[in-house]
């Protein structure tokens, strides 16, 4: 796959196709780690914690909480 470097403000931009981003598991807004190894630019998606909303979307937007959890009686100075 070929792409072209373009002027972007005072820097340089690189256009990456959607299919390429999907292949590496990246999306618009993600942070990529950029390294140069043996004269080659290597882009790697950085780990990102997903929000509760993003996690719930994997289950149709529902968290399906079954019931409350009883953690027992207070044992220290915590307040219930």
PDB file of N, CA and C in Angstrom:
ATOM      1  N   UNK A   1       0.842  -1.164   0.000  1.00  0.00           N
ATOM      2  CA  UNK A   1       0.000   0.000   0.000  1.00  0.00           C
ATOM      3  C   UNK A   1       0.893   1.234   0.000  1.00  0.00           C
ATOM      4  N   UNK A   2       0.570   2.180  -0.847  1.00  0.00           N
ATOM      5  CA  UNK A   2       1.330   3.427  -0.910  1.00  0.00           C
ATOM      6  C   UNK A   2       0.513   4.559  -0.307  1.00  0.00           C
ATOM      7  N   UNK A   3       1.211   5.532   0.234  1.00  0.00           N
ATOM      8  CA  UNK A   3       0.576   6.759   0.726  1.00  0.00           C
ATOM      9  C   UNK A   3       1.551   7.891   0.486  1.00  0.00           C
ATOM     10  N   UNK A   4       1.101   9.100   0.683  1.00  0.00           N
ATOM     11  CA  UNK A   4       1.939  10.255   0.396  1.00  0.00           C
ATOM     12  C   UNK A   4       2.015  11.147   1.628  1.00  0.00           C
ATOM     13  N   UNK A   5       3.204  11.687   1.899  1.00  0.00           N
ATOM     14  CA  UNK A   5       3.379  12.668   2.961  1.00  0.00           C
ATOM     15  C   UNK A   5       2.844  14.002   2.461  1.00  0.00           C
ATOM     16  N   UNK A   6       2.110  14.718   3.335  1.00  0.00           N
ATOM     17  CA  UNK A   6       1.542  16.010   2.952  1.00  0.00           C
ATOM     18  C   UNK A   6       1.813  17.030   4.047  1.00  0.00           C
ATOM     19  N   UNK A   7       1.886  18.297   3.631  1.00  0.00           N
ATOM     20  CA  UNK A   7       2.071  19.382   4.586  1.00  0.00           C
ATOM     21  C   UNK A   7       0.822  19.482   5.449  1.00  0.00           C
ATOM     22  N   UNK A   8       1.029  19.624   6.770  1.00  0.00           N
ATOM     23  CA  UNK A   8      -0.084  19.736   7.698  1.00  0.00           C
ATOM     24  C   UNK A   8       0.305  20.781   8.733  1.00  0.00           C
ATOM     25  N   UNK A   9      -0.131  22.011   8.540  1.00  0.00           N
ATOM     26  CA  UNK A   9       0.290  23.103   9.409  1.00  0.00           C
ATOM     27  C   UNK A   9       1.790  23.305   9.264  1.00  0.00           C
ATOM     28  N   UNK A  10       2.498  23.292  10.399  1.00  0.00           N
ATOM     29  CA  UNK A  10       3.957  23.398  10.369  1.00  0.00           C
ATOM     30  C   UNK A  10       4.632  22.040  10.341  1.00  0.00           C
ATOM     31  N   UNK A  11       3.836  20.979  10.256  1.00  0.00           N
ATOM     32  CA  UNK A  11       4.402  19.624  10.275  1.00  0.00           C
ATOM     33  C   UNK A  11       4.093  18.885   8.989  1.00  0.00           C
ATOM     34  N   UNK A  12       4.152  17.565   9.093  1.00  0.00           N
ATOM     35  CA  UNK A  12       3.896  16.694   7.954  1.00  0.00           C
ATOM     36  C   UNK A  12       2.885  15.641   8.357  1.00  0.00           C
ATOM     37  N   UNK A  13       1.885  15.405   7.510  1.00  0.00           N
ATOM     38  CA  UNK A  13       0.844  14.417   7.792  1.00  0.00           C
ATOM     39  C   UNK A  13       1.010  13.182   6.921  1.00  0.00           C
ATOM     40  N   UNK A  14       0.501  12.083   7.432  1.00  0.00           N
ATOM     41  CA  UNK A  14       0.554  10.808   6.722  1.00  0.00           C
ATOM     42  C   UNK A  14      -0.856  10.232   6.735  1.00  0.00           C
ATOM     43  N   UNK A  15      -1.445   9.995   5.578  1.00  0.00           N
ATOM     44  CA  UNK A  15      -2.796   9.459   5.483  1.00  0.00           C
ATOM     45  C   UNK A  15      -2.744   7.941   5.544  1.00  0.00           C
ATOM     46  N   UNK A  16      -3.476   7.369   6.511  1.00  0.00           N
ATOM     47  CA  UNK A  16      -3.546   5.914   6.649  1.00  0.00           C
ATOM     48  C   UNK A  16      -4.976   5.470   6.375  1.00  0.00           C
ATOM     49  N   UNK A  17      -5.142   4.496   5.495  1.00  0.00           N
ATOM     50  CA  UNK A  17      -6.477   4.026   5.125  1.00  0.00           C
ATOM     51  C   UNK A  17      -7.130   3.282   6.287  1.00  0.00           C
ATOM     52  N   UNK A  18      -8.464   3.324   6.300  1.00  0.00           N
ATOM     53  CA  UNK A  18      -9.255   2.699   7.349  1.00  0.00           C
ATOM     54  C   UNK A  18      -8.926   1.214   7.492  1.00  0.00           C
ATOM     55  N   UNK A  19      -8.750   0.528   6.384  1.00  0.00           N
ATOM     56  CA  UNK A  19      -8.466  -0.905   6.413  1.00  0.00           C
ATOM     57  C   UNK A  19      -7.142  -1.195   7.120  1.00  0.00           C
ATOM     58  N   UNK A  20      -6.162  -0.334   6.903  1.00  0.00           N
ATOM     59  CA  UNK A  20      -4.858  -0.501   7.546  1.00  0.00           C
ATOM     60  C   UNK A  20      -4.992  -0.315   9.064  1.00  0.00           C
ATOM     61  N   UNK A  21      -5.738   0.706   9.481  1.00  0.00           N
ATOM     62  CA  UNK A  21      -5.955   0.939  10.904  1.00  0.00           C
ATOM     63  C   UNK A  21      -6.693  -0.235  11.548  1.00  0.00           C
ATOM     64  N   UNK A  22      -7.684  -0.777  10.851  1.00  0.00           N
ATOM     65  CA  UNK A  22      -8.421  -1.929  11.373  1.00  0.00           C
ATOM     66  C   UNK A  22      -7.491  -3.128  11.540  1.00  0.00           C
ATOM     67  N   UNK A  23      -6.584  -3.297  10.616  1.00  0.00           N
ATOM     68  CA  UNK A  23      -5.653  -4.433  10.665  1.00  0.00           C
ATOM     69  C   UNK A  23      -4.754  -4.390  11.900  1.00  0.00           C
ATOM     70  N   UNK A  24      -4.410  -3.186  12.361  1.00  0.00           N
ATOM     71  CA  UNK A  24      -3.560  -3.080  13.553  1.00  0.00           C
ATOM     72  C   UNK A  24      -4.371  -2.782  14.809  1.00  0.00           C
ATOM     73  N   UNK A  25      -5.691  -2.733  14.684  1.00  0.00           N
ATOM     74  CA  UNK A  25      -6.549  -2.505  15.840  1.00  0.00           C
ATOM     75  C   UNK A  25      -6.540  -1.068  16.324  1.00  0.00           C
ATOM     76  N   UNK A  26      -6.333  -0.115  15.426  1.00  0.00           N
ATOM     77  CA  UNK A  26      -6.291   1.304  15.793  1.00  0.00           C
ATOM     78  C   UNK A  26      -7.498   2.016  15.196  1.00  0.00           C
ATOM     79  N   UNK A  27      -7.847   3.153  15.787  1.00  0.00           N
ATOM     80  CA  UNK A  27      -8.973   3.948  15.303  1.00  0.00           C
ATOM     81  C   UNK A  27      -8.618   5.422  15.410  1.00  0.00           C
ATOM     82  N   UNK A  28      -9.412   6.260  14.771  1.00  0.00           N
ATOM     83  CA  UNK A  28      -9.193   7.703  14.822  1.00  0.00           C
ATOM     84  C   UNK A  28      -9.189   8.156  16.275  1.00  0.00           C
ATOM     85  N   UNK A  29      -8.199   8.949  16.637  1.00  0.00           N
ATOM     86  CA  UNK A  29      -8.083   9.454  17.994  1.00  0.00           C
ATOM     87  C   UNK A  29      -7.167   8.627  18.886  1.00  0.00           C
ATOM     88  N   UNK A  30      -6.816   7.410  18.448  1.00  0.00           N
ATOM     89  CA  UNK A  30      -5.902   6.576  19.235  1.00  0.00           C
ATOM     90  C   UNK A  30      -4.497   7.165  19.205  1.00  0.00           C
ATOM     91  N   UNK A  31      -3.716   6.833  20.208  1.00  0.00           N
ATOM     92  CA  UNK A  31      -2.328   7.272  20.275  1.00  0.00           C
ATOM     93  C   UNK A  31      -1.446   6.143  19.748  1.00  0.00           C
ATOM     94  N   UNK A  32      -0.526   6.495  18.847  1.00  0.00           N
ATOM     95  CA  UNK A  32       0.411   5.519  18.301  1.00  0.00           C
ATOM     96  C   UNK A  32       1.807   5.820  18.807  1.00  0.00           C
ATOM     97  N   UNK A  33       2.562   4.773  19.109  1.00  0.00           N
ATOM     98  CA  UNK A  33       3.966   4.913  19.455  1.00  0.00           C
ATOM     99  C   UNK A  33       4.745   4.886  18.143  1.00  0.00           C
ATOM    100  N   UNK A  34       5.644   5.843  17.946  1.00  0.00           N
ATOM    101  CA  UNK A  34       6.420   5.937  16.712  1.00  0.00           C
ATOM    102  C   UNK A  34       7.885   5.701  17.038  1.00  0.00           C
ATOM    103  N   UNK A  35       8.499   4.734  16.341  1.00  0.00           N
ATOM    104  CA  UNK A  35       9.912   4.426  16.529  1.00  0.00           C
ATOM    105  C   UNK A  35      10.568   4.269  15.159  1.00  0.00           C
ATOM    106  N   UNK A  36      11.864   4.486  15.135  1.00  0.00           N
ATOM    107  CA  UNK A  36      12.636   4.219  13.924  1.00  0.00           C
ATOM    108  C   UNK A  36      13.559   3.052  14.238  1.00  0.00           C
ATOM    109  N   UNK A  37      13.429   1.972  13.469  1.00  0.00           N
ATOM    110  CA  UNK A  37      14.261   0.778  13.654  1.00  0.00           C
ATOM    111  C   UNK A  37      14.923   0.444  12.329  1.00  0.00           C
ATOM    112  N   UNK A  38      16.234   0.505  12.311  1.00  0.00           N
ATOM    113  CA  UNK A  38      17.002   0.192  11.099  1.00  0.00           C
ATOM    114  C   UNK A  38      16.507   0.987   9.885  1.00  0.00           C
ATOM    115  N   UNK A  39      16.223   2.273  10.091  1.00  0.00           N
ATOM    116  CA  UNK A  39      15.798   3.133   8.993  1.00  0.00           C
ATOM    117  C   UNK A  39      14.348   2.965   8.578  1.00  0.00           C
ATOM    118  N   UNK A  40      13.565   2.213   9.364  1.00  0.00           N
ATOM    119  CA  UNK A  40      12.160   1.984   9.063  1.00  0.00           C
ATOM    120  C   UNK A  40      11.304   2.594  10.163  1.00  0.00           C
ATOM    121  N   UNK A  41      10.242   3.301   9.788  1.00  0.00           N
ATOM    122  CA  UNK A  41       9.320   3.870  10.769  1.00  0.00           C
ATOM    123  C   UNK A  41       8.343   2.775  11.186  1.00  0.00           C
ATOM    124  N   UNK A  42       8.224   2.568  12.493  1.00  0.00           N
ATOM    125  CA  UNK A  42       7.323   1.547  13.038  1.00  0.00           C
ATOM    126  C   UNK A  42       6.268   2.244  13.887  1.00  0.00           C
ATOM    127  N   UNK A  43       4.992   2.073  13.525  1.00  0.00           N
ATOM    128  CA  UNK A  43       3.870   2.640  14.276  1.00  0.00           C
ATOM    129  C   UNK A  43       3.184   1.508  15.036  1.00  0.00           C
ATOM    130  N   UNK A  44       3.009   1.700  16.338  1.00  0.00           N
ATOM    131  CA  UNK A  44       2.372   0.680  17.175  1.00  0.00           C
ATOM    132  C   UNK A  44       1.296   1.336  18.028  1.00  0.00           C
ATOM    133  N   UNK A  45       0.069   0.785  18.014  1.00  0.00           N
ATOM    134  CA  UNK A  45      -0.972   1.362  18.877  1.00  0.00           C
ATOM    135  C   UNK A  45      -0.568   1.213  20.340  1.00  0.00           C
ATOM    136  N   UNK A  46      -0.743   2.287  21.120  1.00  0.00           N
ATOM    137  CA  UNK A  46      -0.478   2.228  22.550  1.00  0.00           C
ATOM    138  C   UNK A  46      -1.716   1.681  23.237  1.00  0.00           C
ATOM    139  N   UNK A  47      -1.498   0.972  24.359  1.00  0.00           N
ATOM    140  CA  UNK A  47      -2.626   0.427  25.108  1.00  0.00           C
ATOM    141  C   UNK A  47      -3.493   1.567  25.629  1.00  0.00           C
ATOM    142  N   UNK A  48      -4.787   1.408  25.531  1.00  0.00           N
ATOM    143  CA  UNK A  48      -5.731   2.418  26.004  1.00  0.00           C
ATOM    144  C   UNK A  48      -6.844   1.715  26.767  1.00  0.00           C
ATOM    145  N   UNK A  49      -7.102   2.189  27.983  1.00  0.00           N
ATOM    146  CA  UNK A  49      -8.213   1.649  28.742  1.00  0.00           C
ATOM    147  C   UNK A  49      -9.512   2.080  28.086  1.00  0.00           C
ATOM    148  N   UNK A  50     -10.431   1.151  27.961  1.00  0.00           N
ATOM    149  CA  UNK A  50     -11.729   1.479  27.386  1.00  0.00           C
ATOM    150  C   UNK A  50     -12.662   2.002  28.472  1.00  0.00           C
ATOM    151  N   UNK A  51     -13.563   2.884  28.081  1.00  0.00           N
ATOM    152  CA  UNK A  51     -14.536   3.426  29.023  1.00  0.00           C
ATOM    153  C   UNK A  51     -15.578   2.360  29.346  1.00  0.00           C
ATOM    154  N   UNK A  52     -16.333   2.579  30.407  1.00  0.00           N
ATOM    155  CA  UNK A  52     -17.397   1.651  30.773  1.00  0.00           C
ATOM    156  C   UNK A  52     -18.425   1.553  29.648  1.00  0.00           C
ATOM    157  N   UNK A  53     -18.702   2.689  29.001  1.00  0.00           N
ATOM    158  CA  UNK A  53     -19.653   2.685  27.886  1.00  0.00           C
ATOM    159  C   UNK A  53     -19.137   1.804  26.741  1.00  0.00           C
ATOM    160  N   UNK A  54     -17.842   1.910  26.411  1.00  0.00           N
ATOM    161  CA  UNK A  54     -17.270   1.093  25.340  1.00  0.00           C
ATOM    162  C   UNK A  54     -17.335  -0.388  25.692  1.00  0.00           C
ATOM    163  N   UNK A  55     -17.072  -0.712  26.951  1.00  0.00           N
ATOM    164  CA  UNK A  55     -17.130  -2.117  27.380  1.00  0.00           C
ATOM    165  C   UNK A  55     -18.566  -2.642  27.313  1.00  0.00           C
ATOM    166  N   UNK A  56     -19.532  -1.805  27.722  1.00  0.00           N
ATOM    167  CA  UNK A  56     -20.935  -2.224  27.701  1.00  0.00           C
ATOM    168  C   UNK A  56     -21.421  -2.458  26.274  1.00  0.00           C
ATOM    169  N   UNK A  57     -20.888  -1.711  25.299  1.00  0.00           N
ATOM    170  CA  UNK A  57     -21.295  -1.871  23.900  1.00  0.00           C
ATOM    171  C   UNK A  57     -21.011  -3.279  23.392  1.00  0.00           C
ATOM    172  N   UNK A  58     -20.004  -3.953  23.959  1.00  0.00           N
ATOM    173  CA  UNK A  58     -19.708  -5.335  23.571  1.00  0.00           C
ATOM    174  C   UNK A  58     -20.849  -6.276  23.953  1.00  0.00           C
ATOM    175  N   UNK A  59     -21.694  -5.851  24.896  1.00  0.00           N
ATOM    176  CA  UNK A  59     -22.807  -6.662  25.372  1.00  0.00           C
ATOM    177  C   UNK A  59     -24.134  -6.019  25.005  1.00  0.00           C
ATOM    178  N   UNK A  60     -24.174  -5.352  23.868  1.00  0.00           N
ATOM    179  CA  UNK A  60     -25.398  -4.729  23.394  1.00  0.00           C
ATOM    180  C   UNK A  60     -25.797  -3.494  24.178  1.00  0.00           C
ATOM    181  N   UNK A  61     -24.823  -2.844  24.829  1.00  0.00           N
ATOM    182  CA  UNK A  61     -25.103  -1.637  25.587  1.00  0.00           C
ATOM    183  C   UNK A  61     -25.634  -1.906  26.982  1.00  0.00           C
ATOM    184  N   UNK A  62     -25.776  -3.170  27.359  1.00  0.00           N
ATOM    185  CA  UNK A  62     -26.316  -3.548  28.666  1.00  0.00           C
ATOM    186  C   UNK A  62     -25.216  -4.179  29.514  1.00  0.00           C
ATOM    187  N   UNK A  63     -25.159  -3.786  30.782  1.00  0.00           N
ATOM    188  CA  UNK A  63     -24.185  -4.400  31.672  1.00  0.00           C
ATOM    189  C   UNK A  63     -24.735  -5.658  32.335  1.00  0.00           C
ATOM    190  N   UNK A  64     -26.067  -5.807  32.351  1.00  0.00           N
ATOM    191  CA  UNK A  64     -26.720  -6.990  32.906  1.00  0.00           C
ATOM    192  C   UNK A  64     -26.217  -7.343  34.300  1.00  0.00           C
ATOM    193  N   UNK A  65     -26.270  -6.383  35.191  1.00  0.00           N
ATOM    194  CA  UNK A  65     -25.889  -6.659  36.570  1.00  0.00           C
ATOM    195  C   UNK A  65     -26.934  -7.579  37.180  1.00  0.00           C
ATOM    196  N   UNK A  66     -26.523  -8.688  37.748  1.00  0.00           N
ATOM    197  CA  UNK A  66     -27.451  -9.689  38.258  1.00  0.00           C
ATOM    198  C   UNK A  66     -28.038  -9.263  39.599  1.00  0.00           C
ATOM    199  N   UNK A  67     -27.196  -8.856  40.526  1.00  0.00           N
ATOM    200  CA  UNK A  67     -27.691  -8.458  41.839  1.00  0.00           C
ATOM    201  C   UNK A  67     -26.607  -7.688  42.578  1.00  0.00           C
ATOM    202  N   UNK A  68     -26.976  -7.193  43.744  1.00  0.00           N
ATOM    203  CA  UNK A  68     -26.002  -6.511  44.571  1.00  0.00           C
ATOM    204  C   UNK A  68     -25.052  -7.538  45.177  1.00  0.00           C
ATOM    205  N   UNK A  69     -23.870  -7.089  45.536  1.00  0.00           N
ATOM    206  CA  UNK A  69     -22.884  -7.971  46.146  1.00  0.00           C
ATOM    207  C   UNK A  69     -22.736  -7.579  47.604  1.00  0.00           C
ATOM    208  N   UNK A  70     -22.823  -8.553  48.485  1.00  0.00           N
ATOM    209  CA  UNK A  70     -22.654  -8.306  49.906  1.00  0.00           C
ATOM    210  C   UNK A  70     -21.180  -8.477  50.249  1.00  0.00           C
ATOM    211  N   UNK A  71     -20.548  -7.401  50.638  1.00  0.00           N
ATOM    212  CA  UNK A  71     -19.124  -7.434  50.972  1.00  0.00           C
ATOM    213  C   UNK A  71     -18.889  -7.684  52.463  1.00  0.00           C
ATOM    214  N   UNK A  72     -19.956  -7.941  53.213  1.00  0.00           N
ATOM    215  CA  UNK A  72     -19.816  -8.222  54.632  1.00  0.00           C
ATOM    216  C   UNK A  72     -19.879  -6.953  55.466  1.00  0.00           C
ATOM    217  N   UNK A  73     -19.686  -7.127  56.751  1.00  0.00           N
ATOM    218  CA  UNK A  73     -19.737  -6.015  57.697  1.00  0.00           C
ATOM    219  C   UNK A  73     -18.452  -5.200  57.636  1.00  0.00           C
ATOM    220  N   UNK A  74     -18.524  -3.897  57.974  1.00  0.00           N
ATOM    221  CA  UNK A  74     -17.307  -3.078  58.046  1.00  0.00           C
ATOM    222  C   UNK A  74     -16.339  -3.655  59.063  1.00  0.00           C
ATOM    223  N   UNK A  75     -15.060  -3.646  58.746  1.00  0.00           N
ATOM    224  CA  UNK A  75     -14.059  -4.204  59.667  1.00  0.00           C
ATOM    225  C   UNK A  75     -13.062  -3.172  60.124  1.00  0.00           C
ATOM    226  N   UNK A  76     -13.092  -1.986  59.571  1.00  0.00           N
ATOM    227  CA  UNK A  76     -12.123  -0.946  59.944  1.00  0.00           C
ATOM    228  C   UNK A  76     -12.830   0.365  60.158  1.00  0.00           C
ATOM    229  N   UNK A  77     -12.264   1.417  59.642  1.00  0.00           N
ATOM    230  CA  UNK A  77     -12.841   2.745  59.845  1.00  0.00           C
ATOM    231  C   UNK A  77     -13.683   3.209  58.641  1.00  0.00           C
ATOM    232  N   UNK A  78     -13.999   2.304  57.714  1.00  0.00           N
ATOM    233  CA  UNK A  78     -14.808   2.711  56.569  1.00  0.00           C
ATOM    234  C   UNK A  78     -16.228   3.016  57.019  1.00  0.00           C
ATOM    235  N   UNK A  79     -16.929   3.827  56.244  1.00  0.00           N
ATOM    236  CA  UNK A  79     -18.291   4.238  56.567  1.00  0.00           C
ATOM    237  C   UNK A  79     -19.202   3.697  55.472  1.00  0.00           C
ATOM    238  N   UNK A  80     -20.305   3.054  55.883  1.00  0.00           N
ATOM    239  CA  UNK A  80     -21.258   2.498  54.914  1.00  0.00           C
ATOM    240  C   UNK A  80     -22.460   3.360  54.830  1.00  0.00           C
TER     241      UNK A  80
END
